[in-house]
Protein backbone atom coordinates (compact mmCIF):
# COMPACT_ATOMS: atom_id res chain seq x y z
CA MET A 1 0.55 -23.70 119.81
CA LYS A 2 -0.79 -26.76 118.00
CA LYS A 3 -2.92 -24.46 115.81
CA THR A 4 0.18 -22.54 114.76
CA TYR A 5 2.00 -25.71 113.65
CA LEU A 6 -1.08 -26.83 111.76
CA VAL A 7 -1.24 -23.56 109.81
CA LEU A 8 2.48 -23.79 108.98
CA TRP A 9 2.10 -27.37 107.67
CA ILE A 10 -0.84 -26.36 105.48
CA ALA A 11 1.14 -23.41 104.07
CA LEU A 12 4.16 -25.65 103.37
CA LEU A 13 2.03 -28.21 101.56
CA THR A 14 0.39 -25.47 99.49
CA LEU A 15 3.82 -24.11 98.50
CA LEU A 16 5.05 -27.56 97.48
CA THR A 17 1.91 -28.01 95.37
CA CYS A 18 2.58 -24.72 93.50
CA ILE A 19 6.18 -25.54 92.62
CA PRO A 20 5.32 -27.85 89.62
CA GLY A 21 3.03 -25.12 88.21
CA ALA A 22 5.83 -22.59 88.40
CA ALA A 23 8.10 -24.94 86.53
CA GLY A 24 5.45 -25.22 83.76
CA LEU A 25 5.32 -21.45 83.30
CA GLY A 26 9.03 -20.83 83.28
CA GLY A 27 10.51 -24.14 82.26
CA ASP A 28 13.02 -25.04 79.51
CA GLU A 29 13.41 -22.51 76.62
CA GLY A 30 13.33 -22.88 72.85
CA TRP A 31 13.00 -20.44 69.96
CA ILE A 32 10.65 -19.90 67.01
CA THR A 33 11.99 -17.79 64.13
CA VAL A 34 9.48 -16.22 61.74
CA CYS A 35 11.09 -15.19 58.44
CA CYS A 36 9.36 -12.48 56.38
CA ASN A 37 10.22 -10.54 53.24
CA VAL A 38 9.03 -7.27 54.79
CA ASP A 39 10.58 -5.57 57.84
CA GLY A 40 8.40 -3.88 60.44
CA ALA A 41 5.65 -6.49 60.17
CA SER A 42 3.79 -7.42 63.36
CA VAL A 43 4.04 -11.06 64.49
CA TYR A 44 1.26 -12.79 66.47
CA PHE A 45 1.25 -16.28 67.97
CA ASP A 46 -2.33 -17.54 68.36
CA GLY A 47 -3.49 -13.91 68.42
CA LYS A 48 -0.88 -12.79 70.98
CA TYR A 49 1.39 -9.97 69.83
CA MET A 50 5.03 -11.07 69.95
CA GLY A 51 7.02 -8.35 68.17
CA GLU A 52 8.09 -6.98 64.75
CA THR A 53 10.28 -8.38 62.00
CA SER A 54 13.66 -6.80 61.46
CA GLY A 55 16.41 -7.82 59.08
CA GLY A 56 14.06 -10.29 57.43
CA SER A 57 12.94 -12.20 60.56
CA TYR A 58 11.69 -12.17 64.16
CA THR A 59 12.73 -14.72 66.81
CA ALA A 60 10.48 -15.42 69.82
CA VAL A 61 11.51 -17.20 73.03
CA VAL A 62 9.06 -19.94 74.05
CA TYR A 63 8.92 -22.40 76.94
CA THR A 64 8.96 -25.99 75.83
CA THR A 65 6.95 -27.11 78.87
CA GLY A 66 4.35 -24.37 78.53
CA ALA A 67 1.15 -24.30 76.50
CA PRO A 68 2.17 -24.78 72.81
CA TYR A 69 1.52 -22.20 70.08
CA SER A 70 -0.12 -23.44 66.88
CA MET A 71 -0.47 -20.49 64.45
CA ALA A 72 1.66 -17.49 63.52
CA THR A 73 0.11 -14.42 61.90
CA VAL A 74 2.22 -11.72 60.20
CA GLU A 75 0.69 -8.44 59.05
CA LYS A 76 1.58 -4.93 58.00
CA SER A 77 -0.47 -2.06 56.65
CA GLY A 78 -0.44 -1.96 52.84
CA TYR A 79 0.34 -5.68 52.57
CA THR A 80 -1.62 -8.89 52.57
CA THR A 81 -1.68 -10.88 55.84
CA ALA A 82 0.24 -14.16 56.01
CA THR A 83 -0.27 -17.12 58.35
CA ALA A 84 1.84 -20.20 59.08
CA SER A 85 1.46 -23.29 61.25
CA LEU A 86 3.88 -23.50 64.18
CA THR A 87 5.81 -26.48 65.51
CA MET A 88 7.04 -26.09 69.08
CA PRO A 89 10.81 -26.51 69.45
CA GLY A 90 12.52 -28.80 71.89
CA LYS A 91 14.75 -27.60 74.69
CA GLY A 92 17.50 -25.37 73.23
CA GLN A 93 16.17 -25.85 69.70
CA THR A 94 14.86 -23.41 67.06
CA THR A 95 12.07 -23.97 64.57
CA THR A 96 11.66 -21.68 61.56
CA VAL A 97 8.61 -20.71 59.52
CA TYR A 98 8.54 -18.61 56.36
CA THR A 99 5.95 -16.05 55.36
CA THR A 100 5.55 -13.72 52.39
CA LEU A 101 3.68 -10.42 52.41
CA ASN A 102 2.50 -9.05 49.05
CA PRO A 103 1.71 -5.38 48.46
CA VAL A 104 -1.97 -4.62 48.22
CA VAL A 105 -2.59 -3.30 44.69
CA THR A 106 -4.85 -0.31 44.73
CA PRO A 107 -6.84 -0.17 41.46
CA VAL A 108 -6.27 3.00 39.47
CA PRO A 109 -9.63 4.60 38.83
CA VAL A 110 -10.49 4.72 35.13
CA ARG A 111 -11.32 8.19 33.89
CA TYR A 112 -13.09 9.28 30.73
CA GLY A 113 -11.12 10.73 27.83
CA SER A 114 -12.10 12.90 24.89
CA ILE A 115 -11.53 13.25 21.14
CA PHE A 116 -10.87 16.54 19.34
CA VAL A 117 -11.78 16.28 15.65
CA SER A 118 -10.75 18.79 12.98
CA SER A 119 -10.96 18.67 9.19
CA GLN A 120 -9.66 20.44 6.10
CA PRO A 121 -11.84 22.11 5.04
CA SER A 122 -13.77 22.64 8.27
CA GLY A 123 -17.52 22.21 8.57
CA ALA A 124 -17.51 18.49 7.86
CA GLU A 125 -20.13 16.23 9.42
CA ILE A 126 -18.45 14.10 12.09
CA TYR A 127 -19.69 10.60 12.93
CA PHE A 128 -18.51 8.78 16.07
CA ASN A 129 -18.91 4.99 15.69
CA GLY A 130 -21.59 5.75 13.11
CA ASP A 131 -23.45 8.32 15.26
CA TYR A 132 -23.58 11.94 14.11
CA ARG A 133 -21.93 14.29 16.65
CA GLY A 134 -21.74 17.67 14.88
CA LEU A 135 -19.63 19.76 12.51
CA SER A 136 -15.85 20.03 12.68
CA PRO A 137 -13.98 21.26 14.57
CA LEU A 138 -15.55 19.71 17.67
CA THR A 139 -14.68 17.88 20.89
CA ILE A 140 -16.36 14.59 21.77
CA ALA A 141 -16.31 14.44 25.58
CA ASP A 142 -16.84 11.65 28.14
CA VAL A 143 -15.38 8.90 25.97
CA TRP A 144 -14.59 5.63 27.72
CA PRO A 145 -11.02 4.43 27.02
CA GLY A 146 -10.89 2.24 23.92
CA ARG A 147 -10.89 2.20 20.12
CA TYR A 148 -13.40 4.15 18.03
CA THR A 149 -14.17 4.95 14.38
CA ILE A 150 -14.30 8.57 13.23
CA ARG A 151 -15.82 9.46 9.84
CA ALA A 152 -15.97 12.91 8.22
CA GLU A 153 -18.37 13.77 5.39
CA LYS A 154 -18.78 16.96 3.35
CA THR A 155 -20.59 17.66 0.10
CA GLY A 156 -18.17 17.80 -2.81
CA TYR A 157 -15.54 15.77 -0.99
CA GLN A 158 -14.76 12.11 -0.52
CA ASP A 159 -15.61 10.60 2.88
CA TYR A 160 -12.69 10.17 5.28
CA SER A 161 -12.57 7.44 7.94
CA THR A 162 -9.96 6.68 10.58
CA THR A 163 -9.54 4.92 13.92
CA ALA A 164 -9.03 6.83 17.19
CA TYR A 165 -7.60 5.37 20.39
CA VAL A 166 -8.64 6.99 23.68
CA SER A 167 -6.71 6.59 26.95
CA SER A 168 -7.93 7.28 30.48
CA GLY A 169 -7.99 10.99 31.28
CA THR A 170 -6.41 12.11 27.98
CA GLN A 171 -7.57 13.84 24.81
CA THR A 172 -6.95 12.27 21.40
CA THR A 173 -6.61 14.57 18.37
CA VAL A 174 -7.92 13.43 14.97
CA HIS A 175 -7.44 15.45 11.77
CA CYS A 176 -9.46 14.57 8.66
CA PRO A 177 -7.96 15.85 5.36
CA LEU A 178 -10.80 15.73 2.83
CA THR A 179 -10.15 15.13 -0.88
CA PRO A 180 -12.40 16.92 -3.39
CA HIS A 181 -14.47 14.75 -5.69
CA VAL A 182 -12.92 14.65 -9.16
CA ALA A 183 -15.43 15.37 -11.89
CA THR A 184 -15.25 12.80 -14.69
CA GLY A 185 -16.35 12.53 -18.27
CA SER A 186 -16.04 10.21 -21.28
CA LEU A 187 -14.50 10.07 -24.74
CA TYR A 188 -16.01 8.25 -27.69
CA VAL A 189 -13.19 7.62 -30.18
CA ILE A 190 -13.72 6.58 -33.80
CA SER A 191 -11.15 6.52 -36.56
CA SER A 192 -10.49 5.99 -40.21
CA PRO A 193 -9.39 3.27 -40.65
CA THR A 194 -11.31 1.52 -37.90
CA GLY A 195 -9.55 -0.89 -35.54
CA SER A 196 -6.81 1.61 -34.70
CA ASN A 197 -5.01 1.49 -31.35
CA ILE A 198 -5.97 4.13 -28.78
CA TYR A 199 -3.64 5.59 -26.13
CA LEU A 200 -4.83 8.09 -23.52
CA ASP A 201 -2.03 9.85 -21.65
CA ALA A 202 0.33 7.13 -23.01
CA ALA A 203 -1.82 4.31 -21.55
CA TYR A 204 -3.24 1.77 -24.00
CA LYS A 205 -7.06 1.69 -23.91
CA GLY A 206 -8.15 -0.53 -26.82
CA THR A 207 -9.11 -0.18 -30.47
CA THR A 208 -11.58 2.05 -32.27
CA PRO A 209 -14.49 2.47 -32.04
CA LEU A 210 -14.31 2.75 -28.24
CA THR A 211 -15.91 4.66 -25.36
CA ILE A 212 -13.48 5.52 -22.56
CA SER A 213 -15.35 6.29 -19.32
CA ASN A 214 -14.44 7.74 -15.90
CA ILE A 215 -11.82 10.13 -17.23
CA ALA A 216 -10.92 13.07 -14.99
CA SER A 217 -12.34 16.19 -16.59
CA GLY A 218 -9.77 18.48 -18.18
CA THR A 219 -6.98 18.23 -20.73
CA HIS A 220 -5.53 14.90 -21.88
CA ILE A 221 -3.26 13.58 -24.65
CA LEU A 222 -4.99 11.21 -27.10
CA GLU A 223 -3.01 9.11 -29.59
CA VAL A 224 -4.31 6.83 -32.33
CA ASP A 225 -2.14 4.60 -34.53
CA HIS A 226 -2.58 1.91 -37.13
CA ALA A 227 -0.12 -0.12 -39.16
CA GLY A 228 0.56 1.49 -42.54
CA TYR A 229 -0.64 4.91 -41.34
CA TYR A 230 1.00 7.88 -39.70
CA ASP A 231 0.22 8.26 -35.99
CA TRP A 232 -2.56 10.66 -35.00
CA LYS A 233 -2.03 12.72 -31.84
CA SER A 234 -4.03 15.54 -30.26
CA THR A 235 -4.77 17.33 -27.00
CA VAL A 236 -8.41 16.81 -26.07
CA ASN A 237 -10.59 18.32 -23.36
CA VAL A 238 -12.87 15.95 -21.44
CA PRO A 239 -16.10 17.63 -20.26
CA ALA A 240 -17.27 17.05 -16.68
CA GLY A 241 -20.30 14.77 -16.69
CA GLY A 242 -20.43 14.56 -20.49
CA THR A 243 -19.11 12.61 -23.47
CA ARG A 244 -16.99 14.03 -26.28
CA THR A 245 -16.69 12.33 -29.67
CA ILE A 246 -13.28 12.25 -31.33
CA ASP A 247 -12.99 11.29 -35.01
CA ALA A 248 -9.35 10.59 -35.89
CA THR A 249 -8.46 10.37 -39.59
CA LEU A 250 -5.09 8.72 -40.12
CA ASN A 251 -3.01 9.40 -43.25
CA PRO A 252 -1.65 6.34 -45.06
CA MET A 253 2.08 5.87 -45.43
CA PRO A 254 3.61 5.38 -48.87
CA SER A 255 4.16 1.78 -49.95
CA SER A 256 7.35 0.24 -48.64
CA THR A 257 9.09 -3.09 -48.25
CA THR A 258 8.80 -3.08 -44.47
CA GLY A 259 6.12 -3.91 -41.95
CA TRP A 260 5.58 -4.06 -38.20
CA VAL A 261 5.75 -6.75 -35.58
CA TYR A 262 3.72 -6.16 -32.40
CA VAL A 263 4.86 -8.44 -29.55
CA SER A 264 2.91 -8.91 -26.32
CA SER A 265 3.25 -11.43 -23.51
CA SER A 266 1.46 -12.58 -20.40
CA PRO A 267 2.99 -11.75 -18.03
CA GLY A 268 4.82 -8.72 -19.43
CA GLY A 269 8.46 -7.92 -18.83
CA ALA A 270 9.82 -10.54 -21.23
CA SER A 271 12.94 -9.74 -23.27
CA VAL A 272 12.31 -9.92 -27.02
CA THR A 273 14.87 -10.86 -29.66
CA LEU A 274 14.26 -10.72 -33.39
CA ASP A 275 16.61 -12.85 -35.45
CA GLY A 276 19.03 -12.88 -32.48
CA THR A 277 18.95 -9.10 -31.95
CA ILE A 278 17.59 -7.77 -28.66
CA MET A 279 14.66 -5.45 -29.39
CA GLY A 280 13.40 -4.62 -25.87
CA GLU A 281 10.87 -5.89 -23.33
CA THR A 282 7.14 -6.47 -23.55
CA PRO A 283 5.09 -3.95 -21.50
CA SER A 284 2.66 -5.01 -18.78
CA SER A 285 -0.18 -3.97 -21.11
CA GLY A 286 -0.23 -3.41 -24.83
CA SER A 287 2.56 -4.48 -27.18
CA LEU A 288 6.21 -3.86 -27.92
CA LYS A 289 6.16 -2.30 -31.39
CA LEU A 290 8.93 -3.33 -33.75
CA ASN A 291 8.93 -0.86 -36.65
CA ASN A 292 10.47 -1.00 -40.12
CA ILE A 293 10.93 -4.75 -40.11
CA ALA A 294 11.97 -6.10 -43.50
CA THR A 295 9.40 -8.24 -45.24
CA GLY A 296 9.97 -11.95 -45.02
CA THR A 297 10.33 -14.60 -42.35
CA HIS A 298 11.77 -13.76 -38.92
CA ALA A 299 12.43 -15.63 -35.66
CA VAL A 300 10.98 -14.10 -32.48
CA VAL A 301 12.16 -15.35 -29.07
CA LEU A 302 10.85 -14.24 -25.64
CA ASN A 303 12.63 -14.90 -22.34
CA ARG A 304 11.55 -14.07 -18.82
CA PRO A 305 13.14 -15.37 -15.60
CA GLY A 306 10.98 -18.08 -14.05
CA TYR A 307 9.23 -18.89 -17.35
CA ARG A 308 9.93 -21.18 -20.28
CA GLN A 309 11.39 -19.67 -23.43
CA TYR A 310 8.83 -18.82 -26.12
CA SER A 311 9.80 -19.05 -29.80
CA ALA A 312 7.82 -18.22 -32.93
CA THR A 313 8.45 -17.76 -36.66
CA VAL A 314 6.56 -14.85 -38.23
CA SER A 315 6.08 -13.61 -41.78
CA VAL A 316 6.16 -9.83 -42.26
CA LEU A 317 4.27 -8.29 -45.18
CA PRO A 318 4.65 -4.71 -46.52
CA ASN A 319 2.72 -2.10 -44.51
CA THR A 320 1.19 -4.84 -42.38
CA VAL A 321 1.23 -5.53 -38.66
CA THR A 322 2.14 -9.05 -37.61
CA GLU A 323 1.14 -9.76 -34.02
CA VAL A 324 2.87 -12.17 -31.65
CA SER A 325 0.97 -12.94 -28.42
CA ALA A 326 2.97 -15.16 -26.08
CA LEU A 327 1.41 -16.91 -23.07
CA LEU A 328 4.49 -17.69 -21.01
CA GLN A 329 4.52 -20.91 -19.00
CA PRO A 330 6.14 -20.94 -15.53
CA THR A 331 9.09 -23.24 -15.16
CA VAL A 332 9.09 -25.94 -12.52
CA ALA A 333 12.64 -26.84 -11.66
CA PRO A 334 12.96 -30.60 -12.35
CA THR A 335 15.14 -32.97 -10.39
CA GLY A 336 18.76 -32.37 -11.29
CA SER A 337 18.50 -28.63 -11.88
CA GLY A 338 19.45 -25.49 -10.01
CA GLY A 339 19.55 -21.72 -10.33
CA LEU A 340 22.13 -19.36 -11.81
CA THR A 341 22.47 -15.67 -10.92
CA VAL A 342 24.50 -13.53 -13.34
CA THR A 343 25.66 -9.97 -12.60
CA SER A 344 28.10 -7.65 -14.30
CA THR A 345 29.84 -4.33 -13.76
CA PRO A 346 28.60 -2.35 -15.54
CA ALA A 347 25.13 -3.87 -15.79
CA GLY A 348 23.23 -4.26 -19.07
CA ALA A 349 25.43 -6.89 -20.69
CA ASN A 350 23.93 -9.50 -23.02
CA VAL A 351 24.13 -12.86 -21.25
CA PHE A 352 24.62 -16.15 -23.11
CA LEU A 353 24.36 -19.59 -21.51
CA ASP A 354 26.09 -22.25 -23.59
CA ASN A 355 26.00 -19.79 -26.55
CA VAL A 356 22.22 -19.23 -26.18
CA PHE A 357 21.03 -15.69 -25.35
CA VAL A 358 19.11 -15.74 -22.06
CA GLY A 359 18.72 -12.05 -21.14
CA ILE A 360 20.42 -8.91 -19.88
CA SER A 361 22.44 -8.68 -16.66
CA PRO A 362 21.62 -8.74 -13.82
CA LEU A 363 19.34 -11.78 -14.07
CA THR A 364 18.54 -15.08 -12.36
CA LEU A 365 17.85 -18.28 -14.28
CA PRO A 366 15.78 -20.58 -12.04
CA ASP A 367 15.87 -23.76 -14.16
CA VAL A 368 19.37 -24.69 -15.28
CA THR A 369 20.37 -28.32 -15.75
CA ALA A 370 22.89 -29.40 -13.13
CA GLY A 371 26.41 -29.65 -14.50
CA THR A 372 29.08 -27.47 -16.09
CA HIS A 373 27.97 -24.56 -18.28
CA THR A 374 29.64 -21.72 -20.16
CA VAL A 375 28.46 -18.21 -19.31
CA SER A 376 29.37 -15.40 -21.73
CA MET A 377 28.68 -11.66 -21.50
CA LYS A 378 28.89 -9.09 -24.27
CA LEU A 379 28.61 -5.30 -23.96
CA ASP A 380 29.58 -2.66 -26.52
CA GLY A 381 32.89 -1.03 -25.61
CA TYR A 382 33.96 -3.91 -23.37
CA GLN A 383 35.84 -7.13 -23.93
CA GLU A 384 33.74 -10.28 -24.13
CA TYR A 385 33.69 -12.21 -20.86
CA SER A 386 33.43 -16.00 -20.73
CA VAL A 387 33.69 -18.45 -17.84
CA SER A 388 32.76 -22.04 -17.01
CA THR A 389 30.60 -22.52 -13.93
CA GLN A 390 29.17 -25.49 -12.07
CA VAL A 391 25.42 -25.61 -11.35
CA ASN A 392 24.41 -27.99 -8.57
CA SER A 393 20.99 -29.57 -8.16
CA GLY A 394 18.75 -27.60 -5.81
CA ALA A 395 21.30 -24.79 -5.35
CA VAL A 396 21.88 -21.35 -6.87
CA SER A 397 25.28 -20.60 -8.42
CA THR A 398 26.55 -17.06 -8.98
CA VAL A 399 28.63 -15.58 -11.79
CA SER A 400 29.81 -12.00 -11.29
CA ALA A 401 31.91 -10.30 -13.95
CA ALA A 402 33.83 -7.02 -13.90
CA LEU A 403 33.93 -6.20 -17.61
CA THR A 404 37.11 -4.69 -19.06
CA LYS A 405 36.94 -1.76 -21.45
CA VAL A 406 38.34 -2.29 -24.95
CA THR A 407 41.74 -0.54 -25.30
CA PRO A 408 42.32 1.04 -28.76
CA THR A 409 45.24 -0.58 -30.68
CA PRO A 410 48.09 1.98 -30.91
CA LYS A 411 49.37 2.80 -34.41
CA SER A 412 53.00 1.93 -35.23
CA SER A 413 55.33 4.93 -35.16
CA PRO A 414 57.37 5.54 -38.42
CA ALA A 415 60.35 6.86 -36.43
CA PRO A 416 62.28 3.52 -36.21
CA ILE A 417 61.85 2.92 -39.96
CA VAL A 418 63.10 6.42 -40.82
CA ALA A 419 66.09 5.98 -38.51
CA GLY A 420 66.94 2.64 -40.15
CA ILE A 421 66.82 4.11 -43.65
CA ALA A 422 69.07 6.97 -42.52
CA ILE A 423 71.67 4.54 -41.12
CA ILE A 424 71.68 2.46 -44.32
CA GLY A 425 72.12 5.64 -46.40
CA ALA A 426 75.08 6.77 -44.28
CA VAL A 427 76.79 3.39 -44.67
CA LEU A 428 76.37 3.45 -48.46
CA LEU A 429 77.77 6.98 -48.61
CA LEU A 430 80.93 5.96 -46.70
CA LEU A 431 81.49 2.98 -48.99
CA ARG A 432 81.29 5.20 -52.10
CA LYS A 433 83.87 7.59 -50.66
CA LYS A 434 86.32 4.71 -50.04
CA ASP A 435 85.95 3.60 -53.62
C-alpha cells in the first residue's frame, strides 16, 4: 500500500513539473504579418514553412513565450528570393515586415543575322568591312548584330559605299545603285582679240587664252565676248580623254558713243544702281554687264543687306569696258542701332529710307540708326507709299505695305456743257419772240 502512494506522489510531482513547459509551448499569442508584392509566395520563418501570401500579405500566429523567430524568407518560382529580420510581437500585438520579389530576367539569346546585297548593274565586287565577299547579288551569312560598312565596286562605275545595320535573327537588305564614270575632256580656247571672256554652258570660266579641264565629254555651248566686239557663240564637242582647240574670232562693232560697265562684288547678290537707276544684281561669279552706257562720268552704288554701301564714280569711254570690283564690308551694328524689315504686296517695290534707295522689297536692313525714319516704296502702276517708323536700339522694326494700284483719271463728259448751251439758246429764243 505504501508503494502505491509513493508511485502516485512521484507521478503527481512529474505532472506539476511538466505544466510550466506546456505553458511555454502554448502560451500567449501574437502575430507576424509578412507583406509581399507577389501573391502565392511561400513564407518561411527560420527555415520552417509557414504558408503562402495572398492579397499582398501572410499573417502567422506565434507564441510570445515560445522560442522566438529571427528571419523570414519569401520565395516563388520565377522571382528573386527576399529575406527580412523578424521582431517577435508582444501579447496580442502584430509586427509587420515588408518584402519585394523581383522577376528573374531571362536573357534573350543573341542570334546571328545576315545581309543580302544587290547592285545595279549586278556583278559588282562586294566588300564587307573592307573584306571581299563575292559578286552581287549575294548573301553574307552569320553576321553578329551591329553596324557594318558595305562597298560595291565595278569597272566603269563609281564606287558605292553605305552602312548596314544588322539585328539579331534578321536579314538586312542593301541595294547599291552604281553610277557610270563620266568620260571627260578639255577645251583650249584662244581668241582674237585676246583677253576675251569665256562662258561654257553659261558659266563664266575666265579669259582667253585658257584651258578648261574636266569637262564631261559631249556637246556644250561655248560663248566668247569682248567689249567693242560682237559676241561669239558656238556648239562645241568635247572629246573623251582629249583636248580640242577653239579659235574664236570676234568681229568689231562700229564706233559709237557708248561703252560698257562690268560690275562685280564679293560677295555677290548686291543690288546695283547707275546714276540712281536700278540695273540688277551682281552674280555670285563673273560680272553684271551694263551695256550701251553713255560716255562720261557715272555714279555706281552697290547695296547688300548686312554689308556697308559701296559707291564709286566711273568714267565710260566709247567701245570700252569699265570694270567696277566691289569688296563689300560686313556691317557691325553699333550701339544705338537696330534692324528694319520692309515688305510689300506685291513684292519688287523700290525701297527708300530717308529718300535714299536701299534695295527692293522684301528686304531687311540690319544697321539702321535708332530713331524715326521715313520709309518710301515705289512700283510702276502703283501709288507711292510713304510712312514714318520708329527704329529702336537692338530691336527689329517692320514696315509692311499693301500698295494701291493707280486709278486712271476719268475724262470730263461734254454732256453737261451741251445741255447748258441748249438752255441758254432756248431762253434767248423766248426773249426774241416777246420783243
